[in-house]
C-alpha cells in the first residue's frame, strides 16, 4: 500500500471516530476531538462541556468507550481522556448542538438563531454566522442566515480563522440542518497592519560630558578675561596717579 493510500485510510478512520464519539457523547456537550499517535500507542482527547458525563461513575463510561473504539476501529493501546472546554460559547460544535436542541424543543428558528448569535458575540467572537436550513415554516425547503461581526466565506483566511460546527435537528416535517461558523477573538486578518513608531535617538553620556567640559572651559575663559580687565584697569589708575604726582612736583 502506498503512502497516499495509508494517509487517506487514516483520515477516513479519524473522521469515523469523530462521528462515533460525537454521537456517544452528545449529552455531555461534545466540543471536539484530537487524536495523537505516540510510540506507546494512540492518545485520544475529548473536549466536552460536561466532561463528568463522559467519564461516568468511577470511569466506567470512558472505559467502555475505549473498549468500543479499540474493537470497532482497530486501535491498539488506546488511551482516552476527557477535558473541559474553556469557553463553550466560542465552540461551534457545542453551539450548533444547542441551536438544534432548541429547535427540537419547539423554539422558533428566528428566536433560536438570534439568541445564540447574541450569546456568541457577547463572549468576544469577532464574527459569527448561523445557518438554519430545512422545512422551517411550510412544506418547502428554506435557508435562513443570521450574521454578525466580521466573517470570511472563502480562501485561506476562512480555513484558518473560521471554526465550523454542524448539527441536525430531527422534527416531524423532516431534518433541519444547523451550521455555525465563528471567527475567534484572537484572529488576525492579513490586512491588519501594526505601525511601530520610530524610536527616539539615544543621547550618549560622552556627549554630555563633552558639553560639560566645554561649559567649564568657557567659564574659565570668561574668568581669565575678567581678571585681565581688572589688571588693565588697575594699571591705568596707577598711571593716572603717577602723572598727577609728577604734575604737582613740577608746579612746586
Protein backbone atom coordinates (compact mmCIF):
# COMPACT_ATOMS: atom_id res chain seq x y z
CA UNK A 1 0.00 0.00 0.00
CA UNK A 2 1.36 3.38 -0.95
CA UNK A 3 1.82 6.26 1.45
CA UNK A 4 -1.05 8.23 -0.11
CA UNK A 5 -3.50 5.37 0.40
CA UNK A 6 -2.37 4.94 4.01
CA UNK A 7 -2.87 8.64 4.69
CA UNK A 8 -6.35 8.58 3.12
CA UNK A 9 -7.28 5.49 5.10
CA UNK A 10 -6.09 7.11 8.35
CA UNK A 11 -8.04 10.30 7.61
CA UNK A 12 -11.21 8.31 6.91
CA UNK A 13 -10.80 6.38 10.15
CA UNK A 14 -10.32 9.60 12.13
CA UNK A 15 -13.48 11.08 10.60
CA UNK A 16 -15.40 7.93 11.53
CA UNK A 17 -14.05 8.07 15.09
CA UNK A 18 -15.07 11.74 15.31
CA UNK A 19 -18.66 11.00 14.25
CA UNK A 20 -18.92 7.96 16.51
CA UNK A 21 -17.65 9.78 19.61
CA UNK A 22 -19.89 12.77 18.84
CA UNK A 23 -22.96 10.52 18.84
CA UNK A 24 -21.92 8.75 22.04
CA UNK A 25 -21.15 11.97 23.96
CA UNK A 26 -23.91 14.25 22.62
CA UNK A 27 -25.46 14.56 26.11
CA UNK A 28 -22.17 15.84 27.56
CA UNK A 29 -21.84 18.66 25.00
CA UNK A 30 -19.24 17.33 22.55
CA UNK A 31 -16.78 20.10 21.69
CA UNK A 32 -14.10 18.42 19.61
CA UNK A 33 -11.68 15.53 19.36
CA UNK A 34 -7.90 15.29 18.93
CA UNK A 35 -6.02 12.09 18.04
CA UNK A 36 -2.25 11.79 18.55
CA UNK A 37 -0.08 8.81 17.75
CA UNK A 38 2.72 8.15 20.25
CA UNK A 39 5.37 5.40 20.49
CA UNK A 40 3.34 3.79 23.29
CA UNK A 41 0.01 3.86 21.42
CA UNK A 42 -2.74 6.25 20.39
CA UNK A 43 -3.91 9.12 22.59
CA UNK A 44 -7.45 10.50 22.18
CA UNK A 45 -8.58 13.65 23.98
CA UNK A 46 -12.27 14.55 24.06
CA UNK A 47 -13.30 18.15 24.77
CA UNK A 48 -16.76 18.42 26.31
CA UNK A 49 -18.90 20.98 28.06
CA UNK A 50 -19.58 18.50 30.91
CA UNK A 51 -16.69 16.01 30.99
CA UNK A 52 -18.13 14.25 34.03
CA UNK A 53 -20.82 12.66 31.84
CA UNK A 54 -18.13 11.33 29.51
CA UNK A 55 -16.09 9.79 32.33
CA UNK A 56 -19.02 8.32 34.24
CA UNK A 57 -19.03 6.90 37.73
CA UNK A 58 -15.52 5.68 38.64
CA UNK A 59 -14.51 5.94 34.97
CA UNK A 60 -16.89 3.24 33.77
CA UNK A 61 -18.25 5.15 30.76
CA UNK A 62 -14.88 6.23 29.41
CA UNK A 63 -13.53 2.67 29.89
CA UNK A 64 -16.46 1.28 27.90
CA UNK A 65 -15.91 3.89 25.17
CA UNK A 66 -12.21 2.95 24.98
CA UNK A 67 -13.03 -0.74 24.52
CA UNK A 68 -15.58 0.05 21.80
CA UNK A 69 -13.11 2.21 19.86
CA UNK A 70 -10.41 -0.48 20.07
CA UNK A 71 -12.80 -3.20 18.89
CA UNK A 72 -14.53 -1.22 16.15
CA UNK A 73 -11.65 0.78 14.64
CA UNK A 74 -8.67 -1.47 15.37
CA UNK A 75 -6.68 0.77 17.71
CA UNK A 76 -4.05 -0.76 19.99
CA UNK A 77 -3.01 0.61 23.40
CA UNK A 78 -5.67 3.32 23.16
CA UNK A 79 -5.78 5.99 25.86
CA UNK A 80 -8.90 8.16 26.09
CA UNK A 81 -9.26 11.20 28.34
CA UNK A 82 -11.90 13.91 28.68
CA UNK A 83 -11.32 17.60 29.31
CA UNK A 84 -13.49 20.65 29.82
CA UNK A 85 -13.94 23.32 27.15
CA UNK A 86 -12.64 26.70 28.33
CA UNK A 87 -15.36 28.88 26.74
CA UNK A 88 -18.15 26.75 25.31
CA UNK A 89 -19.87 29.80 23.75
CA UNK A 90 -16.96 30.06 21.28
CA UNK A 91 -17.09 26.37 20.34
CA UNK A 92 -19.09 25.94 17.09
CA UNK A 93 -19.92 22.26 17.70
CA UNK A 94 -21.48 22.95 21.09
CA UNK A 95 -23.41 26.00 19.88
CA UNK A 96 -24.72 24.15 16.80
CA UNK A 97 -25.93 21.36 19.06
CA UNK A 98 -27.64 23.93 21.32
CA UNK A 99 -29.44 25.51 18.34
CA UNK A 100 -30.59 22.06 17.16
CA UNK A 101 -31.75 21.17 20.67
CA UNK A 102 -33.71 24.44 20.89
CA UNK A 103 -35.45 23.68 17.58
CA UNK A 104 -36.35 20.20 18.78
CA UNK A 105 -37.89 21.69 21.93
CA UNK A 106 -40.22 23.84 19.83
CA UNK A 107 -38.41 27.17 19.62
CA UNK A 108 -38.99 29.36 16.61
CA UNK A 109 -35.97 29.32 14.29
CA UNK A 110 -35.64 33.13 14.47
CA UNK A 111 -35.61 33.10 18.25
CA UNK A 112 -33.08 30.26 18.38
CA UNK A 113 -30.79 31.83 15.78
CA UNK A 114 -30.81 35.36 17.20
CA UNK A 115 -30.40 34.29 20.83
CA UNK A 116 -27.45 32.01 20.11
CA UNK A 117 -25.89 34.64 17.84
CA UNK A 118 -26.08 37.26 20.58
CA UNK A 119 -24.63 34.81 23.10
CA UNK A 120 -21.66 34.04 20.86
CA UNK A 121 -20.92 37.70 20.12
CA UNK A 122 -21.16 38.61 23.83
CA UNK A 123 -18.44 36.02 24.53
CA UNK A 124 -15.95 38.02 22.46
CA UNK A 125 -16.12 36.47 18.98
CA UNK A 126 -15.06 38.73 16.09
CA UNK A 127 -17.81 37.37 13.85
CA UNK A 128 -20.44 34.65 13.64
CA UNK A 129 -22.80 33.14 11.07
CA UNK A 130 -25.61 30.72 11.92
CA UNK A 131 -27.29 28.94 9.01
CA UNK A 132 -30.55 27.01 9.52
CA UNK A 133 -31.86 25.05 6.53
CA UNK A 134 -34.88 22.77 6.12
CA UNK A 135 -38.66 22.86 6.36
CA UNK A 136 -38.87 25.75 8.78
CA UNK A 137 -42.42 27.09 8.34
CA UNK A 138 -44.03 25.28 5.40
CA UNK A 139 -43.58 22.31 3.13
CA UNK A 140 -40.85 23.97 1.09
CA UNK A 141 -37.18 23.96 1.95
CA UNK A 142 -35.82 27.28 3.21
CA UNK A 143 -32.46 28.62 4.30
CA UNK A 144 -32.12 31.36 6.90
CA UNK A 145 -28.83 33.02 7.86
CA UNK A 146 -28.05 35.08 10.95
CA UNK A 147 -24.91 37.21 10.65
CA UNK A 148 -22.96 39.47 12.95
CA UNK A 149 -19.45 40.89 13.01
CA UNK A 150 -16.65 40.12 10.56
CA UNK A 151 -16.91 36.88 8.54
CA UNK A 152 -14.75 35.26 5.86
CA UNK A 153 -16.51 32.98 3.39
CA UNK A 154 -13.68 31.54 1.29
CA UNK A 155 -9.94 31.44 0.85
CA UNK A 156 -7.08 30.66 3.18
CA UNK A 157 -8.27 33.13 5.83
CA UNK A 158 -11.63 31.35 6.04
CA UNK A 159 -9.93 27.97 6.51
CA UNK A 160 -7.53 29.24 9.16
CA UNK A 161 -9.62 31.77 11.12
CA UNK A 162 -13.16 30.34 10.96
CA UNK A 163 -14.25 27.40 13.17
CA UNK A 164 -17.25 25.49 11.79
CA UNK A 165 -19.69 23.18 13.56
CA UNK A 166 -22.64 21.21 12.15
CA UNK A 167 -25.64 19.61 13.87
CA UNK A 168 -29.06 18.21 12.91
CA UNK A 169 -32.45 18.74 14.48
CA UNK A 170 -34.96 15.92 13.81
CA UNK A 171 -38.54 17.26 13.68
CA UNK A 172 -41.84 15.88 12.37
CA UNK A 173 -41.68 17.72 9.00
CA UNK A 174 -38.11 16.49 8.48
CA UNK A 175 -34.48 17.05 9.42
CA UNK A 176 -33.24 20.63 9.87
CA UNK A 177 -29.54 21.30 9.43
CA UNK A 178 -27.67 23.81 11.58
CA UNK A 179 -24.26 25.25 10.71
CA UNK A 180 -22.36 27.63 12.99
CA UNK A 181 -19.20 29.44 11.84
CA UNK A 182 -17.28 31.51 14.41
CA UNK A 183 -14.26 33.77 13.95
CA UNK A 184 -12.06 33.53 17.02
CA UNK A 185 -11.36 36.61 19.18
CA UNK A 186 -7.60 36.36 18.58
CA UNK A 187 -7.94 36.09 14.79
CA UNK A 188 -5.63 38.47 12.92
CA UNK A 189 -6.64 39.34 9.36
CA UNK A 190 -3.98 39.75 6.64
CA UNK A 191 -4.92 43.40 6.01
CA UNK A 192 -4.41 44.40 9.65
CA UNK A 193 -1.04 46.16 9.88
CA UNK A 194 0.59 47.49 13.03
CA UNK A 195 2.66 50.67 12.61
CA UNK A 196 5.52 50.88 15.09
CA UNK A 197 6.71 54.41 15.98
CA UNK A 198 10.27 55.43 15.18
CA UNK A 199 12.43 55.22 18.33
CA UNK A 200 13.92 58.47 19.60
CA UNK A 201 17.70 58.90 19.21
CA UNK A 202 19.63 57.88 22.29
CA UNK A 203 21.92 60.58 23.70
CA UNK A 204 25.26 59.17 24.74
CA UNK A 205 26.88 60.07 28.05
CA UNK A 206 30.14 61.09 26.37
CA UNK A 207 28.48 63.95 24.55
CA UNK A 208 27.06 65.25 27.83
CA UNK A 209 30.50 65.13 29.40
CA UNK A 210 31.99 66.97 26.44
CA UNK A 211 29.32 69.66 26.72
CA UNK A 212 30.03 69.97 30.44
CA UNK A 213 33.75 70.31 29.70
CA UNK A 214 33.05 72.95 27.04
CA UNK A 215 30.91 74.90 29.53
CA UNK A 216 33.70 74.71 32.12
CA UNK A 217 36.24 75.94 29.56
CA UNK A 218 34.02 78.87 28.60
CA UNK A 219 33.54 79.82 32.26
CA UNK A 220 37.31 79.66 32.82
CA UNK A 221 37.94 81.83 29.76
CA UNK A 222 35.39 84.38 30.99
CA UNK A 223 37.07 84.44 34.40
CA UNK A 224 40.51 84.95 32.82
CA UNK A 225 39.17 87.79 30.67
CA UNK A 226 37.64 89.43 33.73
CA UNK A 227 40.95 89.19 35.66
CA UNK A 228 42.86 90.67 32.71
CA UNK A 229 40.36 93.55 32.50
CA UNK A 230 40.77 94.26 36.22
CA UNK A 231 44.57 94.25 35.87
CA UNK A 232 44.41 96.72 32.97
CA UNK A 233 42.09 98.99 34.95
CA UNK A 234 44.42 98.90 37.96
CA UNK A 235 47.44 99.79 35.77
CA UNK A 236 45.53 102.71 34.21
CA UNK A 237 44.62 104.05 37.69
CA UNK A 238 48.20 103.77 38.91
CA UNK A 239 49.49 105.59 35.79
CA UNK A 240 46.99 108.42 36.36
CA UNK A 241 48.12 108.81 39.98
CA UNK A 242 51.78 108.90 38.96
CA UNK A 243 51.07 111.54 36.30
CA UNK A 244 49.18 113.69 38.85
CA UNK A 245 52.03 113.38 41.36
CA UNK A 246 54.57 114.40 38.70
CA UNK A 247 52.50 117.47 37.72
CA UNK A 248 52.29 118.54 41.35
CA UNK A 249 56.11 118.25 41.68
CA UNK A 250 56.67 120.41 38.56
CA UNK A 251 54.30 123.06 39.83
CA UNK A 252 56.20 123.35 43.08
